[in-house]
Structures are given as structure tokens and as C-alpha cells.
């Protein structure tokens, strides 16, 4: 069992930046590919970004390309989502999740076995 804890959410003005972190409780993330998802009020959960277990390959949903960066530090056992140029459309609860297989891009929520509790990100206009 892997328990994930997100941190770093908050309120920012449109155009601003936030950095979300995800860390496990009691287990290493080194054997898992990781993803970030988000869910806005009244909408389905959507894929945001994916990184393989080594950290050398990433994948993003089109709407965040060039603005968001996912990276990981396996020595520190953390996965980070750097979010720049935030817009009100990015407002949502953001979740990190862990998945196997470790090299194949995973964009569907049902491909992920472990989830964090979520952290609120609000970008005001």
C-alpha cells in the first residue's frame, strides 16, 4: 500500500505560479510512474501530467504544455508539478497518483492504483 500526500496548493492571481509536491508515507516512489490529475467543480477528473519511474520521460495534456513541468527526485522520494502562467481554467483540486507499468504513458485514472487526498489550486482573474 502506498499513501500519497500532496502539498503546495493555494490561491494565486492569474499569471502566477504554484509548485505542488507529492510524497509517499512509508514507501518509496522509485518503482512507480507518477501522474497528476485535477478535478474542477462539476467536472470529471482529468489527466494533467505523467512521468516515468526514472524521470527521463514526461507527458502532458495539451492545455498545460509549455506552462506545467513534472519532475521527480528519487533520492528525496518526491514528485513535483511546477505550474506557471496559471489561469482561472486551471482552478481545481489536484491529485497525485502512482501507477505501474513504469514506462508506458498512463492518462486514464483507472490505470493508477494509489492516490493522494488532493490539494486545492485556485487562480483568480
C-alpha atoms as a PDB file:
ATOM      1  CA  UNK A   1       0.000   0.000   0.000  1.00  0.00           C
ATOM      2  CA  UNK A   2       1.288   3.445  -0.941  1.00  0.00           C
ATOM      3  CA  UNK A   3      -0.146   6.505   0.756  1.00  0.00           C
ATOM      4  CA  UNK A   4       0.481   9.751  -1.074  1.00  0.00           C
ATOM      5  CA  UNK A   5       0.386  13.250   0.382  1.00  0.00           C
ATOM      6  CA  UNK A   6       0.175  16.386  -1.758  1.00  0.00           C
ATOM      7  CA  UNK A   7       1.209  19.851  -0.642  1.00  0.00           C
ATOM      8  CA  UNK A   8       1.703  23.300  -2.132  1.00  0.00           C
ATOM      9  CA  UNK A   9      -1.770  24.263  -3.288  1.00  0.00           C
ATOM     10  CA  UNK A  10      -3.230  27.684  -2.672  1.00  0.00           C
ATOM     11  CA  UNK A  11      -4.648  30.879  -4.121  1.00  0.00           C
ATOM     12  CA  UNK A  12      -2.778  32.806  -6.777  1.00  0.00           C
ATOM     13  CA  UNK A  13      -3.648  35.544  -9.259  1.00  0.00           C
ATOM     14  CA  UNK A  14      -3.938  34.658 -12.912  1.00  0.00           C
ATOM     15  CA  UNK A  15      -0.479  34.580 -14.445  1.00  0.00           C
ATOM     16  CA  UNK A  16       1.117  33.432 -11.226  1.00  0.00           C
ATOM     17  CA  UNK A  17       2.864  30.202 -10.290  1.00  0.00           C
ATOM     18  CA  UNK A  18       2.498  27.401  -7.793  1.00  0.00           C
ATOM     19  CA  UNK A  19       4.538  24.299  -7.067  1.00  0.00           C
ATOM     20  CA  UNK A  20       2.818  21.114  -5.949  1.00  0.00           C
ATOM     21  CA  UNK A  21       4.712  18.317  -4.256  1.00  0.00           C
ATOM     22  CA  UNK A  22       3.783  14.697  -3.688  1.00  0.00           C
ATOM     23  CA  UNK A  23       5.472  12.410  -1.206  1.00  0.00           C
ATOM     24  CA  UNK A  24       4.652   8.910  -0.010  1.00  0.00           C
ATOM     25  CA  UNK A  25       4.059   7.810   3.513  1.00  0.00           C
ATOM     26  CA  UNK A  26       6.126   4.806   4.414  1.00  0.00           C
ATOM     27  CA  UNK A  27       7.053   3.598   0.913  1.00  0.00           C
ATOM     28  CA  UNK A  28       9.380   4.575  -1.888  1.00  0.00           C
ATOM     29  CA  UNK A  29       8.025   6.004  -5.138  1.00  0.00           C
ATOM     30  CA  UNK A  30      11.029   4.784  -7.083  1.00  0.00           C
ATOM     31  CA  UNK A  31       9.220   1.760  -8.543  1.00  0.00           C
ATOM     32  CA  UNK A  32       6.227   3.730  -9.800  1.00  0.00           C
ATOM     33  CA  UNK A  33       5.452   6.014 -12.660  1.00  0.00           C
ATOM     34  CA  UNK A  34       3.583   9.036 -11.338  1.00  0.00           C
ATOM     35  CA  UNK A  35       0.793  11.225 -12.581  1.00  0.00           C
ATOM     36  CA  UNK A  36      -1.045  14.404 -11.683  1.00  0.00           C
ATOM     37  CA  UNK A  37      -4.769  14.782 -12.236  1.00  0.00           C
ATOM     38  CA  UNK A  38      -7.212  17.561 -11.454  1.00  0.00           C
ATOM     39  CA  UNK A  39     -10.918  17.894 -10.869  1.00  0.00           C
ATOM     40  CA  UNK A  40     -12.840  21.146 -11.124  1.00  0.00           C
ATOM     41  CA  UNK A  41     -16.288  21.569  -9.530  1.00  0.00           C
ATOM     42  CA  UNK A  42     -18.956  19.806 -11.577  1.00  0.00           C
ATOM     43  CA  UNK A  43     -16.411  18.262 -13.934  1.00  0.00           C
ATOM     44  CA  UNK A  44     -14.808  14.849 -14.316  1.00  0.00           C
ATOM     45  CA  UNK A  45     -11.287  14.205 -13.088  1.00  0.00           C
ATOM     46  CA  UNK A  46      -8.819  14.870 -15.896  1.00  0.00           C
ATOM     47  CA  UNK A  47      -5.236  13.881 -16.587  1.00  0.00           C
ATOM     48  CA  UNK A  48      -2.622  16.627 -16.320  1.00  0.00           C
ATOM     49  CA  UNK A  49       0.895  15.134 -16.450  1.00  0.00           C
ATOM     50  CA  UNK A  50       2.843  11.851 -16.257  1.00  0.00           C
ATOM     51  CA  UNK A  51       6.445  10.961 -15.541  1.00  0.00           C
ATOM     52  CA  UNK A  52       8.119   7.553 -15.805  1.00  0.00           C
ATOM     53  CA  UNK A  53       9.754   5.946 -12.805  1.00  0.00           C
ATOM     54  CA  UNK A  54      13.265   7.064 -13.769  1.00  0.00           C
ATOM     55  CA  UNK A  55      12.165  10.618 -14.531  1.00  0.00           C
ATOM     56  CA  UNK A  56      13.517  10.737 -18.079  1.00  0.00           C
ATOM     57  CA  UNK A  57      10.188  10.734 -19.905  1.00  0.00           C
ATOM     58  CA  UNK A  58       7.184  13.006 -19.386  1.00  0.00           C
ATOM     59  CA  UNK A  59       3.796  13.581 -20.997  1.00  0.00           C
ATOM     60  CA  UNK A  60       1.270  16.410 -20.626  1.00  0.00           C
ATOM     61  CA  UNK A  61      -2.283  17.165 -21.552  1.00  0.00           C
ATOM     62  CA  UNK A  62      -2.378  19.737 -24.339  1.00  0.00           C
ATOM     63  CA  UNK A  63      -3.802  22.577 -22.256  1.00  0.00           C
ATOM     64  CA  UNK A  64      -0.822  22.681 -19.877  1.00  0.00           C
ATOM     65  CA  UNK A  65       2.062  22.096 -22.298  1.00  0.00           C
ATOM     66  CA  UNK A  66       4.662  24.821 -22.008  1.00  0.00           C
ATOM     67  CA  UNK A  67       3.236  26.013 -18.670  1.00  0.00           C
ATOM     68  CA  UNK A  68       3.470  22.991 -16.353  1.00  0.00           C
ATOM     69  CA  UNK A  69       6.505  20.824 -15.658  1.00  0.00           C
ATOM     70  CA  UNK A  70       6.513  17.494 -13.862  1.00  0.00           C
ATOM     71  CA  UNK A  71       9.749  16.219 -12.375  1.00  0.00           C
ATOM     72  CA  UNK A  72      10.875  13.858  -9.663  1.00  0.00           C
ATOM     73  CA  UNK A  73      13.743  13.427  -7.242  1.00  0.00           C
ATOM     74  CA  UNK A  74      14.014   9.745  -6.418  1.00  0.00           C
ATOM     75  CA  UNK A  75      16.718  10.409  -3.844  1.00  0.00           C
ATOM     76  CA  UNK A  76      14.269  12.622  -1.947  1.00  0.00           C
ATOM     77  CA  UNK A  77      11.294  10.426  -2.845  1.00  0.00           C
ATOM     78  CA  UNK A  78       9.229  13.317  -4.195  1.00  0.00           C
ATOM     79  CA  UNK A  79       7.351  14.220  -7.359  1.00  0.00           C
ATOM     80  CA  UNK A  80       6.701  17.870  -8.196  1.00  0.00           C
ATOM     81  CA  UNK A  81       4.381  19.728 -10.529  1.00  0.00           C
ATOM     82  CA  UNK A  82       5.611  23.237 -11.309  1.00  0.00           C
ATOM     83  CA  UNK A  83       2.726  25.335 -12.617  1.00  0.00           C
ATOM     84  CA  UNK A  84       3.371  28.663 -14.340  1.00  0.00           C
ATOM     85  CA  UNK A  85       1.124  31.158 -16.100  1.00  0.00           C
ATOM     86  CA  UNK A  86      -1.902  29.881 -14.230  1.00  0.00           C
ATOM     87  CA  UNK A  87      -5.346  30.793 -15.500  1.00  0.00           C
ATOM     88  CA  UNK A  88      -8.781  30.550 -13.851  1.00  0.00           C
ATOM     89  CA  UNK A  89      -9.349  27.444 -16.012  1.00  0.00           C
ATOM     90  CA  UNK A  90      -6.602  25.698 -14.008  1.00  0.00           C
ATOM     91  CA  UNK A  91      -8.635  26.047 -10.807  1.00  0.00           C
ATOM     92  CA  UNK A  92      -9.284  22.563  -9.430  1.00  0.00           C
ATOM     93  CA  UNK A  93      -8.349  20.045  -6.788  1.00  0.00           C
ATOM     94  CA  UNK A  94      -5.071  18.475  -7.887  1.00  0.00           C
ATOM     95  CA  UNK A  95      -4.221  14.848  -7.129  1.00  0.00           C
ATOM     96  CA  UNK A  96      -1.014  12.890  -7.451  1.00  0.00           C
ATOM     97  CA  UNK A  97      -1.202   9.199  -8.225  1.00  0.00           C
ATOM     98  CA  UNK A  98       1.114   6.217  -8.625  1.00  0.00           C
ATOM     99  CA  UNK A  99       0.946   3.573 -11.340  1.00  0.00           C
ATOM    100  CA  UNK A 100       2.597   0.568 -12.887  1.00  0.00           C
ATOM    101  CA  UNK A 101       3.772  -0.240 -15.576  1.00  0.00           C
ATOM    102  CA  UNK A 102       6.574   2.164 -15.098  1.00  0.00           C
ATOM    103  CA  UNK A 103       7.445   3.140 -18.687  1.00  0.00           C
ATOM    104  CA  UNK A 104       4.115   3.289 -20.522  1.00  0.00           C
ATOM    105  CA  UNK A 105       2.312   6.628 -20.558  1.00  0.00           C
ATOM    106  CA  UNK A 106      -0.823   6.411 -18.428  1.00  0.00           C
ATOM    107  CA  UNK A 107      -3.522   9.057 -18.837  1.00  0.00           C
ATOM    108  CA  UNK A 108      -6.581   7.241 -17.504  1.00  0.00           C
ATOM    109  CA  UNK A 109      -7.410   7.441 -13.827  1.00  0.00           C
ATOM    110  CA  UNK A 110      -8.239   3.726 -13.682  1.00  0.00           C
ATOM    111  CA  UNK A 111      -4.610   2.942 -14.583  1.00  0.00           C
ATOM    112  CA  UNK A 112      -3.484   4.334 -11.239  1.00  0.00           C
ATOM    113  CA  UNK A 113      -3.533   2.250  -8.088  1.00  0.00           C
ATOM    114  CA  UNK A 114      -2.706   4.831  -5.434  1.00  0.00           C
ATOM    115  CA  UNK A 115      -3.967   8.373  -4.919  1.00  0.00           C
ATOM    116  CA  UNK A 116      -3.364  11.312  -2.651  1.00  0.00           C
ATOM    117  CA  UNK A 117      -6.111  13.234  -0.905  1.00  0.00           C
ATOM    118  CA  UNK A 118      -5.843  16.238  -3.198  1.00  0.00           C
ATOM    119  CA  UNK A 119      -4.836  19.868  -2.811  1.00  0.00           C
ATOM    120  CA  UNK A 120      -6.827  22.918  -3.913  1.00  0.00           C
ATOM    121  CA  UNK A 121      -5.395  25.236  -6.551  1.00  0.00           C
ATOM    122  CA  UNK A 122      -7.254  28.461  -7.249  1.00  0.00           C
ATOM    123  CA  UNK A 123      -6.199  31.009  -9.863  1.00  0.00           C
ATOM    124  CA  UNK A 124      -8.238  34.189  -9.624  1.00  0.00           C
ATOM    125  CA  UNK A 125      -8.867  36.560 -12.511  1.00  0.00           C
END
